[in-house]
């Protein structure tokens, strides 16, 4: 009877994998990322950080392009991610120039409790241009982006 019990235990451990067999913590599934709502306060933060990246005052942008703004939280890495296209004021030539080419799309990253960091991503993933910041595959899939690029 003892050997049958031991056999069941060994079989269970083998099925659960080496991490459990070694006494290490193992999780069956990682926590999935969550899409979050973009509110006015977040829009203002992203415009401010994006404007700083472009070297243009935030007042020279009118907001974020509807339909091209994404926001999510990845609980596995405790990281917030966003992607957006900044909309320049029609009266600001430097803001209009700042959103061309590499500046045409912006990725944002914030580790929980930290501050937003922005990355120009207008040409990320195109031919020989690498993505400026690798997004987790789970976020790319959730946002329905092409996995070969790092923008919509």
C-alpha atoms as a PDB file:
ATOM      1  CA  UNK A   1       0.000   0.000   0.000  1.00  0.00           C
ATOM      2  CA  UNK A   2       2.877   2.320   0.868  1.00  0.00           C
ATOM      3  CA  UNK A   3       4.540   1.700  -2.478  1.00  0.00           C
ATOM      4  CA  UNK A   4       1.257   2.436  -4.335  1.00  0.00           C
ATOM      5  CA  UNK A   5       0.956   5.758  -2.499  1.00  0.00           C
ATOM      6  CA  UNK A   6       4.588   6.577  -3.298  1.00  0.00           C
ATOM      7  CA  UNK A   7       4.037   5.671  -6.973  1.00  0.00           C
ATOM      8  CA  UNK A   8       1.007   8.011  -7.162  1.00  0.00           C
ATOM      9  CA  UNK A   9       3.032  10.822  -5.576  1.00  0.00           C
ATOM     10  CA  UNK A  10       5.942  10.336  -7.991  1.00  0.00           C
ATOM     11  CA  UNK A  11       3.562  10.161 -10.968  1.00  0.00           C
ATOM     12  CA  UNK A  12       1.874  13.390  -9.856  1.00  0.00           C
ATOM     13  CA  UNK A  13       5.212  15.145  -9.441  1.00  0.00           C
ATOM     14  CA  UNK A  14       6.356  13.978 -12.863  1.00  0.00           C
ATOM     15  CA  UNK A  15       3.159  15.292 -14.443  1.00  0.00           C
ATOM     16  CA  UNK A  16       3.484  18.651 -12.699  1.00  0.00           C
ATOM     17  CA  UNK A  17       6.987  19.176 -13.986  1.00  0.00           C
ATOM     18  CA  UNK A  18      10.518  19.565 -12.716  1.00  0.00           C
ATOM     19  CA  UNK A  19       9.925  22.878 -10.924  1.00  0.00           C
ATOM     20  CA  UNK A  20       7.379  21.300  -8.578  1.00  0.00           C
ATOM     21  CA  UNK A  21       9.414  18.111  -8.231  1.00  0.00           C
ATOM     22  CA  UNK A  22      12.351  20.252  -7.040  1.00  0.00           C
ATOM     23  CA  UNK A  23      10.133  22.087  -4.566  1.00  0.00           C
ATOM     24  CA  UNK A  24      10.155  25.366  -6.513  1.00  0.00           C
ATOM     25  CA  UNK A  25       7.088  27.541  -6.803  1.00  0.00           C
ATOM     26  CA  UNK A  26       5.384  27.092 -10.140  1.00  0.00           C
ATOM     27  CA  UNK A  27       2.304  28.721 -11.574  1.00  0.00           C
ATOM     28  CA  UNK A  28       0.111  27.062 -14.146  1.00  0.00           C
ATOM     29  CA  UNK A  29      -0.629  30.306 -15.997  1.00  0.00           C
ATOM     30  CA  UNK A  30       0.850  33.772 -15.884  1.00  0.00           C
ATOM     31  CA  UNK A  31      -1.520  36.622 -15.121  1.00  0.00           C
ATOM     32  CA  UNK A  32      -2.908  38.045 -18.337  1.00  0.00           C
ATOM     33  CA  UNK A  33      -2.497  41.740 -19.152  1.00  0.00           C
ATOM     34  CA  UNK A  34      -5.531  43.958 -18.807  1.00  0.00           C
ATOM     35  CA  UNK A  35      -6.715  46.707 -21.153  1.00  0.00           C
ATOM     36  CA  UNK A  36      -7.396  49.893 -19.230  1.00  0.00           C
ATOM     37  CA  UNK A  37      -9.555  52.936 -19.915  1.00  0.00           C
ATOM     38  CA  UNK A  38      -7.803  56.080 -21.125  1.00  0.00           C
ATOM     39  CA  UNK A  39      -9.142  59.034 -19.159  1.00  0.00           C
ATOM     40  CA  UNK A  40      -8.362  62.753 -19.419  1.00  0.00           C
ATOM     41  CA  UNK A  41      -5.708  62.616 -16.674  1.00  0.00           C
ATOM     42  CA  UNK A  42      -3.818  59.839 -18.481  1.00  0.00           C
ATOM     43  CA  UNK A  43      -4.118  61.665 -21.822  1.00  0.00           C
ATOM     44  CA  UNK A  44      -2.566  64.749 -20.238  1.00  0.00           C
ATOM     45  CA  UNK A  45       0.288  62.677 -18.749  1.00  0.00           C
ATOM     46  CA  UNK A  46       1.039  60.962 -22.065  1.00  0.00           C
ATOM     47  CA  UNK A  47       0.954  64.232 -24.003  1.00  0.00           C
ATOM     48  CA  UNK A  48       3.322  65.783 -21.440  1.00  0.00           C
ATOM     49  CA  UNK A  49       5.814  62.898 -21.563  1.00  0.00           C
ATOM     50  CA  UNK A  50       5.552  62.570 -25.344  1.00  0.00           C
ATOM     51  CA  UNK A  51       6.087  66.304 -25.798  1.00  0.00           C
ATOM     52  CA  UNK A  52       9.203  66.140 -23.606  1.00  0.00           C
ATOM     53  CA  UNK A  53      10.537  63.320 -25.777  1.00  0.00           C
ATOM     54  CA  UNK A  54       9.975  65.451 -28.884  1.00  0.00           C
ATOM     55  CA  UNK A  55      11.483  68.561 -27.283  1.00  0.00           C
ATOM     56  CA  UNK A  56       8.279  70.534 -27.803  1.00  0.00           C
ATOM     57  CA  UNK A  57       6.057  72.097 -25.098  1.00  0.00           C
ATOM     58  CA  UNK A  58       2.938  70.036 -24.327  1.00  0.00           C
ATOM     59  CA  UNK A  59       0.830  73.128 -25.060  1.00  0.00           C
ATOM     60  CA  UNK A  60       1.706  72.694 -28.747  1.00  0.00           C
ATOM     61  CA  UNK A  61      -0.256  69.421 -28.935  1.00  0.00           C
ATOM     62  CA  UNK A  62      -4.030  69.148 -28.761  1.00  0.00           C
ATOM     63  CA  UNK A  63      -4.236  65.561 -27.521  1.00  0.00           C
ATOM     64  CA  UNK A  64      -3.972  61.955 -28.676  1.00  0.00           C
ATOM     65  CA  UNK A  65      -5.345  60.502 -31.905  1.00  0.00           C
ATOM     66  CA  UNK A  66      -8.647  58.679 -31.271  1.00  0.00           C
ATOM     67  CA  UNK A  67      -8.460  55.022 -32.296  1.00  0.00           C
ATOM     68  CA  UNK A  68      -4.654  54.973 -32.040  1.00  0.00           C
ATOM     69  CA  UNK A  69      -4.342  55.194 -28.260  1.00  0.00           C
ATOM     70  CA  UNK A  70      -3.780  52.020 -26.255  1.00  0.00           C
ATOM     71  CA  UNK A  71      -3.298  51.467 -22.525  1.00  0.00           C
ATOM     72  CA  UNK A  72      -2.744  48.268 -20.553  1.00  0.00           C
ATOM     73  CA  UNK A  73      -1.288  46.828 -17.375  1.00  0.00           C
ATOM     74  CA  UNK A  74       0.899  43.725 -17.283  1.00  0.00           C
ATOM     75  CA  UNK A  75       0.608  42.230 -13.762  1.00  0.00           C
ATOM     76  CA  UNK A  76       3.459  39.785 -14.390  1.00  0.00           C
ATOM     77  CA  UNK A  77       5.978  42.624 -14.722  1.00  0.00           C
ATOM     78  CA  UNK A  78       4.051  45.284 -12.747  1.00  0.00           C
ATOM     79  CA  UNK A  79       4.300  47.487 -15.830  1.00  0.00           C
ATOM     80  CA  UNK A  80       1.858  49.848 -17.508  1.00  0.00           C
ATOM     81  CA  UNK A  81       2.145  50.196 -21.289  1.00  0.00           C
ATOM     82  CA  UNK A  82       0.625  52.748 -23.630  1.00  0.00           C
ATOM     83  CA  UNK A  83       0.884  53.601 -27.278  1.00  0.00           C
ATOM     84  CA  UNK A  84      -0.375  56.785 -28.883  1.00  0.00           C
ATOM     85  CA  UNK A  85      -0.106  59.195 -31.772  1.00  0.00           C
ATOM     86  CA  UNK A  86       0.242  62.767 -30.511  1.00  0.00           C
ATOM     87  CA  UNK A  87      -1.879  65.332 -32.341  1.00  0.00           C
ATOM     88  CA  UNK A  88      -0.033  68.603 -32.973  1.00  0.00           C
ATOM     89  CA  UNK A  89      -1.690  71.993 -32.892  1.00  0.00           C
ATOM     90  CA  UNK A  90      -2.412  73.328 -36.374  1.00  0.00           C
ATOM     91  CA  UNK A  91      -0.470  76.459 -35.391  1.00  0.00           C
ATOM     92  CA  UNK A  92       2.715  74.707 -34.235  1.00  0.00           C
ATOM     93  CA  UNK A  93       5.116  73.883 -37.025  1.00  0.00           C
ATOM     94  CA  UNK A  94       7.632  72.296 -34.647  1.00  0.00           C
ATOM     95  CA  UNK A  95       4.958  69.994 -33.142  1.00  0.00           C
ATOM     96  CA  UNK A  96       3.858  69.037 -36.670  1.00  0.00           C
ATOM     97  CA  UNK A  97       7.447  68.237 -37.640  1.00  0.00           C
ATOM     98  CA  UNK A  98       8.016  66.288 -34.399  1.00  0.00           C
ATOM     99  CA  UNK A  99       5.390  63.680 -35.298  1.00  0.00           C
ATOM    100  CA  UNK A 100       6.912  62.800 -38.658  1.00  0.00           C
ATOM    101  CA  UNK A 101       8.946  59.661 -39.358  1.00  0.00           C
ATOM    102  CA  UNK A 102      10.294  58.124 -36.117  1.00  0.00           C
ATOM    103  CA  UNK A 103       8.113  60.465 -34.034  1.00  0.00           C
ATOM    104  CA  UNK A 104       4.871  59.481 -35.728  1.00  0.00           C
ATOM    105  CA  UNK A 105       3.977  56.984 -32.998  1.00  0.00           C
ATOM    106  CA  UNK A 106       5.028  56.876 -29.356  1.00  0.00           C
ATOM    107  CA  UNK A 107       5.307  53.976 -26.914  1.00  0.00           C
ATOM    108  CA  UNK A 108       5.098  54.602 -23.191  1.00  0.00           C
ATOM    109  CA  UNK A 109       6.231  52.418 -20.303  1.00  0.00           C
ATOM    110  CA  UNK A 110       5.784  52.873 -16.561  1.00  0.00           C
ATOM    111  CA  UNK A 111       6.751  50.397 -13.865  1.00  0.00           C
ATOM    112  CA  UNK A 112       4.127  50.492 -11.114  1.00  0.00           C
ATOM    113  CA  UNK A 113       4.954  53.331  -8.736  1.00  0.00           C
ATOM    114  CA  UNK A 114       7.372  54.943 -11.196  1.00  0.00           C
ATOM    115  CA  UNK A 115       7.169  57.571 -13.904  1.00  0.00           C
ATOM    116  CA  UNK A 116       6.295  57.266 -17.589  1.00  0.00           C
ATOM    117  CA  UNK A 117       9.098  56.877 -20.106  1.00  0.00           C
ATOM    118  CA  UNK A 118       8.410  57.582 -23.788  1.00  0.00           C
ATOM    119  CA  UNK A 119      10.001  56.064 -26.902  1.00  0.00           C
ATOM    120  CA  UNK A 120       9.704  57.217 -30.527  1.00  0.00           C
ATOM    121  CA  UNK A 121       8.256  54.303 -32.454  1.00  0.00           C
ATOM    122  CA  UNK A 122       7.108  55.591 -35.814  1.00  0.00           C
ATOM    123  CA  UNK A 123       9.386  53.295 -37.773  1.00  0.00           C
ATOM    124  CA  UNK A 124       9.905  50.538 -35.207  1.00  0.00           C
ATOM    125  CA  UNK A 125       9.687  47.088 -36.699  1.00  0.00           C
ATOM    126  CA  UNK A 126      10.003  48.325 -40.282  1.00  0.00           C
ATOM    127  CA  UNK A 127      12.741  46.671 -42.358  1.00  0.00           C
ATOM    128  CA  UNK A 128      16.043  47.344 -40.574  1.00  0.00           C
ATOM    129  CA  UNK A 129      14.614  49.438 -37.724  1.00  0.00           C
ATOM    130  CA  UNK A 130      14.318  47.706 -34.375  1.00  0.00           C
ATOM    131  CA  UNK A 131      11.540  48.462 -31.923  1.00  0.00           C
ATOM    132  CA  UNK A 132      12.775  51.024 -29.403  1.00  0.00           C
ATOM    133  CA  UNK A 133      11.190  49.113 -26.539  1.00  0.00           C
ATOM    134  CA  UNK A 134      10.089  45.487 -26.755  1.00  0.00           C
ATOM    135  CA  UNK A 135       6.468  45.084 -25.766  1.00  0.00           C
ATOM    136  CA  UNK A 136       5.423  41.808 -24.153  1.00  0.00           C
ATOM    137  CA  UNK A 137       3.914  39.446 -26.729  1.00  0.00           C
ATOM    138  CA  UNK A 138       0.759  39.216 -24.610  1.00  0.00           C
ATOM    139  CA  UNK A 139       0.191  42.990 -24.929  1.00  0.00           C
ATOM    140  CA  UNK A 140       0.868  42.948 -28.688  1.00  0.00           C
ATOM    141  CA  UNK A 141      -1.650  40.121 -29.103  1.00  0.00           C
ATOM    142  CA  UNK A 142      -4.263  41.786 -26.879  1.00  0.00           C
ATOM    143  CA  UNK A 143      -4.005  45.002 -28.876  1.00  0.00           C
ATOM    144  CA  UNK A 144      -4.164  43.036 -32.168  1.00  0.00           C
ATOM    145  CA  UNK A 145      -0.916  44.549 -33.425  1.00  0.00           C
ATOM    146  CA  UNK A 146       1.256  42.843 -35.994  1.00  0.00           C
ATOM    147  CA  UNK A 147       3.919  41.026 -33.930  1.00  0.00           C
ATOM    148  CA  UNK A 148       6.590  42.100 -36.450  1.00  0.00           C
ATOM    149  CA  UNK A 149       6.012  45.766 -35.592  1.00  0.00           C
ATOM    150  CA  UNK A 150       5.630  47.677 -32.362  1.00  0.00           C
ATOM    151  CA  UNK A 151       2.718  49.904 -33.286  1.00  0.00           C
ATOM    152  CA  UNK A 152      -0.804  49.508 -34.718  1.00  0.00           C
END
